[in-house]
Amino acid sequence: MKRIMILLVLVLSVISSVGQEAPLPEPTQNPDVPFRLFRTKNIYTSLKLDTRFGLIWQVQWALDNDHRLVAPINREILVSLGTPQHPLTPKSGRFTLYPTENIYTFVLLDQEDGRTWQVQWGDEKQRAIFALP
């Protein structure tokens, strides 16, 4: 009886592990470039980040033209550009995105001063960015 139970547990373990797909690894990206593409848990949607200014676009691919889009999530530059007399040069790699457990929510981090924002992607009315305290 003990051998049957052990065999049953082993068979069930193998069956459950075969049915699970391993997630695709994140592509290797250079963190010090002006633009990076971040995967979401939606297979059709990625987020494009301007790592210098903190600007984000929702990028959606599809087989038909009606569902393809590149739509801004935020249009406000999140860093100081200095003054006309003393302009600041934007630094690539300043901003990065972190996924959360919510498929539609990311956290944007300014890696120089620690400021953070909640980033929402989705339909047009759902796209937004909120400063976190």
N, C-alpha and C. Protein backbone atom coordinates (compact mmCIF):
# COMPACT_ATOMS: atom_id res chain seq x y z
N MET A 1 0.83 -1.20 0.00
CA MET A 1 0.00 0.00 0.00
C MET A 1 0.87 1.26 0.00
N LYS A 2 1.96 1.20 0.79
CA LYS A 2 2.85 2.35 0.87
C LYS A 2 3.50 2.63 -0.48
N ARG A 3 3.88 1.56 -1.22
CA ARG A 3 4.50 1.72 -2.54
C ARG A 3 3.50 2.30 -3.54
N ILE A 4 2.27 1.92 -3.45
CA ILE A 4 1.24 2.45 -4.36
C ILE A 4 1.04 3.94 -4.11
N MET A 5 1.04 4.35 -2.86
CA MET A 5 0.87 5.78 -2.52
C MET A 5 2.07 6.59 -3.04
N ILE A 6 3.27 6.07 -2.85
CA ILE A 6 4.47 6.77 -3.34
C ILE A 6 4.43 6.88 -4.85
N LEU A 7 4.08 5.81 -5.53
CA LEU A 7 3.97 5.82 -6.99
C LEU A 7 2.91 6.81 -7.45
N LEU A 8 1.79 6.85 -6.78
CA LEU A 8 0.72 7.78 -7.13
C LEU A 8 1.18 9.23 -6.96
N VAL A 9 1.87 9.55 -5.88
CA VAL A 9 2.39 10.89 -5.65
C VAL A 9 3.38 11.27 -6.75
N LEU A 10 4.26 10.36 -7.11
CA LEU A 10 5.25 10.64 -8.16
C LEU A 10 4.57 10.89 -9.51
N VAL A 11 3.60 10.07 -9.85
CA VAL A 11 2.88 10.23 -11.12
C VAL A 11 2.15 11.57 -11.17
N LEU A 12 1.48 11.93 -10.09
CA LEU A 12 0.77 13.20 -10.05
C LEU A 12 1.74 14.38 -10.12
N SER A 13 2.89 14.27 -9.49
CA SER A 13 3.89 15.34 -9.55
C SER A 13 4.40 15.55 -10.96
N VAL A 14 4.66 14.46 -11.67
CA VAL A 14 5.14 14.56 -13.05
C VAL A 14 4.06 15.16 -13.94
N ILE A 15 2.83 14.73 -13.79
CA ILE A 15 1.73 15.25 -14.61
C ILE A 15 1.54 16.74 -14.38
N SER A 16 1.59 17.18 -13.14
CA SER A 16 1.37 18.60 -12.86
C SER A 16 2.54 19.46 -13.36
N SER A 17 3.76 18.94 -13.33
CA SER A 17 4.90 19.74 -13.79
C SER A 17 4.96 19.81 -15.31
N VAL A 18 4.48 18.79 -16.02
CA VAL A 18 4.48 18.80 -17.48
C VAL A 18 3.50 19.84 -18.02
N GLY A 19 2.40 20.06 -17.35
CA GLY A 19 1.38 20.99 -17.81
C GLY A 19 1.74 22.45 -17.64
N GLN A 20 2.80 22.75 -16.89
CA GLN A 20 3.17 24.13 -16.65
C GLN A 20 4.23 24.56 -17.65
N GLU A 21 4.03 25.75 -18.24
CA GLU A 21 5.00 26.30 -19.16
C GLU A 21 5.93 27.24 -18.41
N ALA A 22 7.20 27.16 -18.74
CA ALA A 22 8.16 28.08 -18.13
C ALA A 22 7.98 29.46 -18.76
N PRO A 23 8.03 30.52 -17.97
CA PRO A 23 7.89 31.86 -18.55
C PRO A 23 9.08 32.18 -19.45
N LEU A 24 8.83 32.98 -20.46
CA LEU A 24 9.91 33.39 -21.34
C LEU A 24 10.87 34.30 -20.59
N PRO A 25 12.16 34.11 -20.78
CA PRO A 25 13.11 35.00 -20.08
C PRO A 25 13.05 36.41 -20.66
N GLU A 26 13.34 37.37 -19.82
CA GLU A 26 13.40 38.76 -20.30
C GLU A 26 14.58 38.89 -21.25
N PRO A 27 14.39 39.61 -22.35
CA PRO A 27 15.53 39.81 -23.25
C PRO A 27 16.59 40.66 -22.57
N THR A 28 17.83 40.40 -22.90
CA THR A 28 18.93 41.19 -22.35
C THR A 28 18.86 42.59 -22.94
N GLN A 29 18.91 43.59 -22.07
CA GLN A 29 18.85 44.97 -22.52
C GLN A 29 19.96 45.76 -21.85
N ASN A 30 20.48 46.72 -22.57
CA ASN A 30 21.46 47.64 -22.02
C ASN A 30 20.71 48.67 -21.18
N PRO A 31 20.98 48.78 -19.88
CA PRO A 31 20.24 49.73 -19.05
C PRO A 31 20.60 51.19 -19.31
N ASP A 32 21.71 51.44 -20.01
CA ASP A 32 22.17 52.81 -20.23
C ASP A 32 21.85 53.32 -21.63
N VAL A 33 20.69 52.99 -22.14
CA VAL A 33 20.27 53.45 -23.46
C VAL A 33 19.06 54.38 -23.31
N PRO A 34 18.79 55.21 -24.32
CA PRO A 34 17.68 56.16 -24.20
C PRO A 34 16.30 55.50 -24.12
N PHE A 35 16.10 54.36 -24.79
CA PHE A 35 14.79 53.72 -24.80
C PHE A 35 14.93 52.24 -24.46
N ARG A 36 13.96 51.74 -23.66
CA ARG A 36 13.89 50.32 -23.34
C ARG A 36 12.46 49.85 -23.49
N LEU A 37 12.30 48.57 -23.79
CA LEU A 37 10.99 47.96 -23.94
C LEU A 37 10.80 46.95 -22.81
N PHE A 38 9.67 47.06 -22.09
CA PHE A 38 9.38 46.19 -20.96
C PHE A 38 8.15 45.35 -21.28
N ARG A 39 8.23 44.06 -21.02
CA ARG A 39 7.08 43.17 -21.22
C ARG A 39 6.04 43.39 -20.14
N THR A 40 4.79 43.18 -20.52
CA THR A 40 3.71 43.08 -19.54
C THR A 40 3.28 41.62 -19.52
N LYS A 41 2.32 41.28 -18.67
CA LYS A 41 1.81 39.91 -18.65
C LYS A 41 0.81 39.67 -19.78
N ASN A 42 0.48 40.71 -20.53
CA ASN A 42 -0.38 40.58 -21.70
C ASN A 42 0.53 40.33 -22.90
N ILE A 43 0.30 39.25 -23.64
CA ILE A 43 1.21 38.88 -24.72
C ILE A 43 1.23 39.89 -25.86
N TYR A 44 0.25 40.75 -25.97
CA TYR A 44 0.17 41.72 -27.06
C TYR A 44 0.71 43.10 -26.69
N THR A 45 1.04 43.32 -25.42
CA THR A 45 1.37 44.66 -24.95
C THR A 45 2.73 44.73 -24.27
N SER A 46 3.49 45.76 -24.62
CA SER A 46 4.75 46.09 -23.96
C SER A 46 4.70 47.57 -23.59
N LEU A 47 5.63 47.99 -22.75
CA LEU A 47 5.75 49.40 -22.39
C LEU A 47 7.10 49.91 -22.87
N LYS A 48 7.09 51.01 -23.61
CA LYS A 48 8.33 51.65 -24.07
C LYS A 48 8.63 52.80 -23.13
N LEU A 49 9.85 52.81 -22.59
CA LEU A 49 10.27 53.82 -21.62
C LEU A 49 11.41 54.66 -22.18
N ASP A 50 11.25 55.97 -22.11
CA ASP A 50 12.36 56.88 -22.37
C ASP A 50 13.10 56.99 -21.05
N THR A 51 14.26 56.36 -20.96
CA THR A 51 14.99 56.26 -19.69
C THR A 51 15.63 57.57 -19.27
N ARG A 52 15.61 58.59 -20.13
CA ARG A 52 16.17 59.89 -19.78
C ARG A 52 15.15 60.79 -19.11
N PHE A 53 13.91 60.77 -19.61
CA PHE A 53 12.89 61.72 -19.18
C PHE A 53 11.72 61.10 -18.42
N GLY A 54 11.60 59.76 -18.40
CA GLY A 54 10.50 59.11 -17.71
C GLY A 54 9.20 59.05 -18.51
N LEU A 55 9.28 59.29 -19.80
CA LEU A 55 8.08 59.19 -20.65
C LEU A 55 7.82 57.73 -20.99
N ILE A 56 6.53 57.34 -21.02
CA ILE A 56 6.15 55.94 -21.24
C ILE A 56 5.05 55.86 -22.29
N TRP A 57 5.16 54.85 -23.17
CA TRP A 57 4.14 54.58 -24.17
C TRP A 57 3.71 53.13 -24.05
N GLN A 58 2.43 52.90 -24.29
CA GLN A 58 1.90 51.54 -24.38
C GLN A 58 2.05 51.11 -25.84
N VAL A 59 2.73 49.99 -26.06
CA VAL A 59 2.96 49.46 -27.41
C VAL A 59 2.19 48.17 -27.54
N GLN A 60 1.29 48.13 -28.50
CA GLN A 60 0.44 46.95 -28.69
C GLN A 60 0.60 46.45 -30.11
N TRP A 61 0.92 45.18 -30.28
CA TRP A 61 1.01 44.60 -31.61
C TRP A 61 -0.21 43.73 -31.86
N ALA A 62 -0.52 43.54 -33.13
CA ALA A 62 -1.67 42.71 -33.51
C ALA A 62 -1.49 42.29 -34.97
N LEU A 63 -2.28 41.32 -35.38
CA LEU A 63 -2.22 40.88 -36.77
C LEU A 63 -2.96 41.82 -37.71
N ASP A 64 -3.89 42.58 -37.17
CA ASP A 64 -4.64 43.52 -38.02
C ASP A 64 -4.34 44.96 -37.59
N ASN A 65 -4.45 45.88 -38.53
CA ASN A 65 -4.13 47.29 -38.28
C ASN A 65 -5.01 47.94 -37.22
N ASP A 66 -6.24 47.48 -37.07
CA ASP A 66 -7.18 48.13 -36.15
C ASP A 66 -6.77 48.00 -34.68
N HIS A 67 -5.94 47.04 -34.34
CA HIS A 67 -5.59 46.81 -32.94
C HIS A 67 -4.14 47.13 -32.61
N ARG A 68 -3.36 47.60 -33.58
CA ARG A 68 -1.98 48.02 -33.31
C ARG A 68 -1.98 49.44 -32.80
N LEU A 69 -1.12 49.72 -31.82
CA LEU A 69 -1.05 51.11 -31.35
C LEU A 69 0.24 51.37 -30.59
N VAL A 70 0.62 52.63 -30.58
CA VAL A 70 1.64 53.16 -29.69
C VAL A 70 1.00 54.40 -29.09
N ALA A 71 0.64 54.31 -27.80
CA ALA A 71 -0.13 55.38 -27.15
C ALA A 71 0.61 55.88 -25.92
N PRO A 72 0.71 57.19 -25.74
CA PRO A 72 1.40 57.73 -24.56
C PRO A 72 0.63 57.43 -23.27
N ILE A 73 1.38 57.09 -22.25
CA ILE A 73 0.78 56.94 -20.92
C ILE A 73 0.98 58.23 -20.14
N ASN A 74 2.14 58.83 -20.28
CA ASN A 74 2.37 60.15 -19.68
C ASN A 74 3.08 61.03 -20.69
N ARG A 75 2.74 62.31 -20.68
CA ARG A 75 3.32 63.27 -21.62
C ARG A 75 4.19 64.31 -20.91
N GLU A 76 4.37 64.14 -19.59
CA GLU A 76 5.11 65.12 -18.81
C GLU A 76 6.52 64.62 -18.53
N ILE A 77 7.52 65.43 -18.91
CA ILE A 77 8.91 65.11 -18.62
C ILE A 77 9.10 65.20 -17.10
N LEU A 78 9.71 64.18 -16.51
CA LEU A 78 9.80 64.07 -15.06
C LEU A 78 11.12 64.56 -14.47
N VAL A 79 11.96 65.18 -15.31
CA VAL A 79 13.24 65.71 -14.82
C VAL A 79 13.35 67.18 -15.19
N SER A 80 14.20 67.90 -14.48
CA SER A 80 14.47 69.30 -14.79
C SER A 80 15.35 69.38 -16.02
N LEU A 81 15.02 70.30 -16.91
CA LEU A 81 15.83 70.51 -18.11
C LEU A 81 16.79 71.68 -17.93
N GLY A 82 16.85 72.21 -16.72
CA GLY A 82 17.74 73.33 -16.44
C GLY A 82 17.13 74.64 -16.93
N THR A 83 17.98 75.55 -17.32
CA THR A 83 17.54 76.85 -17.82
C THR A 83 18.07 77.02 -19.25
N PRO A 84 17.50 77.96 -20.01
CA PRO A 84 18.03 78.18 -21.36
C PRO A 84 19.53 78.53 -21.34
N GLN A 85 19.98 79.24 -20.31
CA GLN A 85 21.39 79.59 -20.22
C GLN A 85 22.25 78.39 -19.78
N HIS A 86 21.66 77.49 -19.00
CA HIS A 86 22.39 76.33 -18.48
C HIS A 86 21.53 75.07 -18.62
N PRO A 87 21.35 74.60 -19.86
CA PRO A 87 20.52 73.40 -20.04
C PRO A 87 21.22 72.16 -19.47
N LEU A 88 20.42 71.26 -18.96
CA LEU A 88 20.95 70.00 -18.43
C LEU A 88 20.90 68.93 -19.51
N THR A 89 21.91 68.10 -19.59
CA THR A 89 21.93 67.00 -20.54
C THR A 89 21.26 65.81 -19.88
N PRO A 90 20.21 65.27 -20.51
CA PRO A 90 19.53 64.11 -19.91
C PRO A 90 20.45 62.89 -19.89
N LYS A 91 20.34 62.11 -18.84
CA LYS A 91 21.18 60.93 -18.67
C LYS A 91 20.39 59.67 -18.99
N SER A 92 20.87 58.89 -19.95
CA SER A 92 20.23 57.61 -20.28
C SER A 92 20.33 56.67 -19.09
N GLY A 93 19.28 55.87 -18.89
CA GLY A 93 19.26 54.89 -17.81
C GLY A 93 18.80 55.44 -16.47
N ARG A 94 18.36 56.69 -16.44
CA ARG A 94 17.92 57.28 -15.17
C ARG A 94 16.65 56.61 -14.65
N PHE A 95 15.71 56.30 -15.55
CA PHE A 95 14.43 55.71 -15.14
C PHE A 95 14.36 54.25 -15.53
N THR A 96 13.64 53.47 -14.73
CA THR A 96 13.37 52.08 -15.06
C THR A 96 11.98 51.71 -14.54
N LEU A 97 11.43 50.62 -15.06
CA LEU A 97 10.10 50.14 -14.69
C LEU A 97 10.20 48.81 -13.96
N TYR A 98 9.32 48.64 -12.96
CA TYR A 98 9.22 47.39 -12.24
C TYR A 98 7.78 46.89 -12.32
N PRO A 99 7.58 45.63 -12.71
CA PRO A 99 6.22 45.08 -12.74
C PRO A 99 5.71 44.84 -11.33
N THR A 100 4.39 44.79 -11.19
CA THR A 100 3.76 44.43 -9.92
C THR A 100 2.93 43.17 -10.16
N GLU A 101 2.27 42.69 -9.15
CA GLU A 101 1.41 41.53 -9.31
C GLU A 101 0.16 41.85 -10.13
N ASN A 102 -0.20 43.13 -10.20
CA ASN A 102 -1.35 43.55 -11.01
C ASN A 102 -0.89 43.68 -12.46
N ILE A 103 -1.52 42.99 -13.38
CA ILE A 103 -1.10 42.96 -14.78
C ILE A 103 -1.05 44.36 -15.39
N TYR A 104 -1.88 45.28 -14.94
CA TYR A 104 -1.97 46.62 -15.54
C TYR A 104 -1.16 47.68 -14.80
N THR A 105 -0.39 47.30 -13.78
CA THR A 105 0.32 48.28 -12.96
C THR A 105 1.81 48.00 -12.93
N PHE A 106 2.58 49.06 -13.15
CA PHE A 106 4.04 49.03 -12.99
C PHE A 106 4.43 50.15 -12.04
N VAL A 107 5.64 50.09 -11.52
CA VAL A 107 6.18 51.19 -10.73
C VAL A 107 7.35 51.76 -11.52
N LEU A 108 7.32 53.08 -11.72
CA LEU A 108 8.41 53.79 -12.38
C LEU A 108 9.32 54.35 -11.30
N LEU A 109 10.62 54.10 -11.42
CA LEU A 109 11.60 54.55 -10.43
C LEU A 109 12.60 55.49 -11.07
N ASP A 110 12.79 56.66 -10.46
CA ASP A 110 13.89 57.55 -10.81
C ASP A 110 15.08 57.05 -10.00
N GLN A 111 16.03 56.42 -10.65
CA GLN A 111 17.14 55.77 -9.97
C GLN A 111 18.16 56.76 -9.41
N GLU A 112 18.02 58.06 -9.75
CA GLU A 112 18.94 59.05 -9.21
C GLU A 112 18.45 59.67 -7.91
N ASP A 113 17.14 60.00 -7.85
CA ASP A 113 16.66 60.65 -6.62
C ASP A 113 15.63 59.83 -5.85
N GLY A 114 15.26 58.66 -6.36
CA GLY A 114 14.38 57.75 -5.62
C GLY A 114 12.89 58.02 -5.76
N ARG A 115 12.48 59.04 -6.53
CA ARG A 115 11.05 59.29 -6.71
C ARG A 115 10.42 58.10 -7.43
N THR A 116 9.14 57.84 -7.10
CA THR A 116 8.42 56.71 -7.71
C THR A 116 7.03 57.14 -8.16
N TRP A 117 6.53 56.44 -9.18
CA TRP A 117 5.21 56.69 -9.73
C TRP A 117 4.53 55.36 -9.98
N GLN A 118 3.22 55.34 -9.82
CA GLN A 118 2.40 54.20 -10.20
C GLN A 118 2.00 54.42 -11.65
N VAL A 119 2.26 53.42 -12.49
CA VAL A 119 1.96 53.50 -13.92
C VAL A 119 0.85 52.52 -14.24
N GLN A 120 -0.24 53.03 -14.83
CA GLN A 120 -1.37 52.19 -15.23
C GLN A 120 -1.45 52.17 -16.76
N TRP A 121 -1.55 50.97 -17.34
CA TRP A 121 -1.76 50.88 -18.77
C TRP A 121 -3.07 50.13 -19.01
N GLY A 122 -3.59 50.25 -20.20
CA GLY A 122 -4.85 49.60 -20.55
C GLY A 122 -5.55 50.37 -21.64
N ASP A 123 -6.87 50.40 -21.58
CA ASP A 123 -7.64 51.18 -22.55
C ASP A 123 -7.34 52.66 -22.36
N GLU A 124 -7.75 53.47 -23.31
CA GLU A 124 -7.42 54.90 -23.30
C GLU A 124 -7.75 55.58 -21.97
N LYS A 125 -8.90 55.27 -21.40
CA LYS A 125 -9.32 55.91 -20.15
C LYS A 125 -8.55 55.39 -18.93
N GLN A 126 -7.90 54.24 -19.07
CA GLN A 126 -7.18 53.64 -17.96
C GLN A 126 -5.71 54.04 -17.89
N ARG A 127 -5.16 54.59 -18.97
CA ARG A 127 -3.74 54.96 -19.00
C ARG A 127 -3.50 56.18 -18.13
N ALA A 128 -2.59 56.04 -17.17
CA ALA A 128 -2.31 57.16 -16.26
C ALA A 128 -1.01 56.90 -15.50
N ILE A 129 -0.52 57.97 -14.90
CA ILE A 129 0.64 57.87 -14.03
C ILE A 129 0.38 58.73 -12.80
N PHE A 130 0.71 58.20 -11.60
CA PHE A 130 0.45 58.89 -10.34
C PHE A 130 1.72 58.91 -9.51
N ALA A 131 2.10 60.07 -9.00
CA ALA A 131 3.26 60.15 -8.11
C ALA A 131 2.93 59.44 -6.82
N LEU A 132 3.88 58.65 -6.32
CA LEU A 132 3.70 57.98 -5.04
C LEU A 132 4.36 58.82 -3.95
N PRO A 133 3.76 58.85 -2.76
CA PRO A 133 4.33 59.68 -1.67
C PRO A 133 5.71 59.21 -1.25
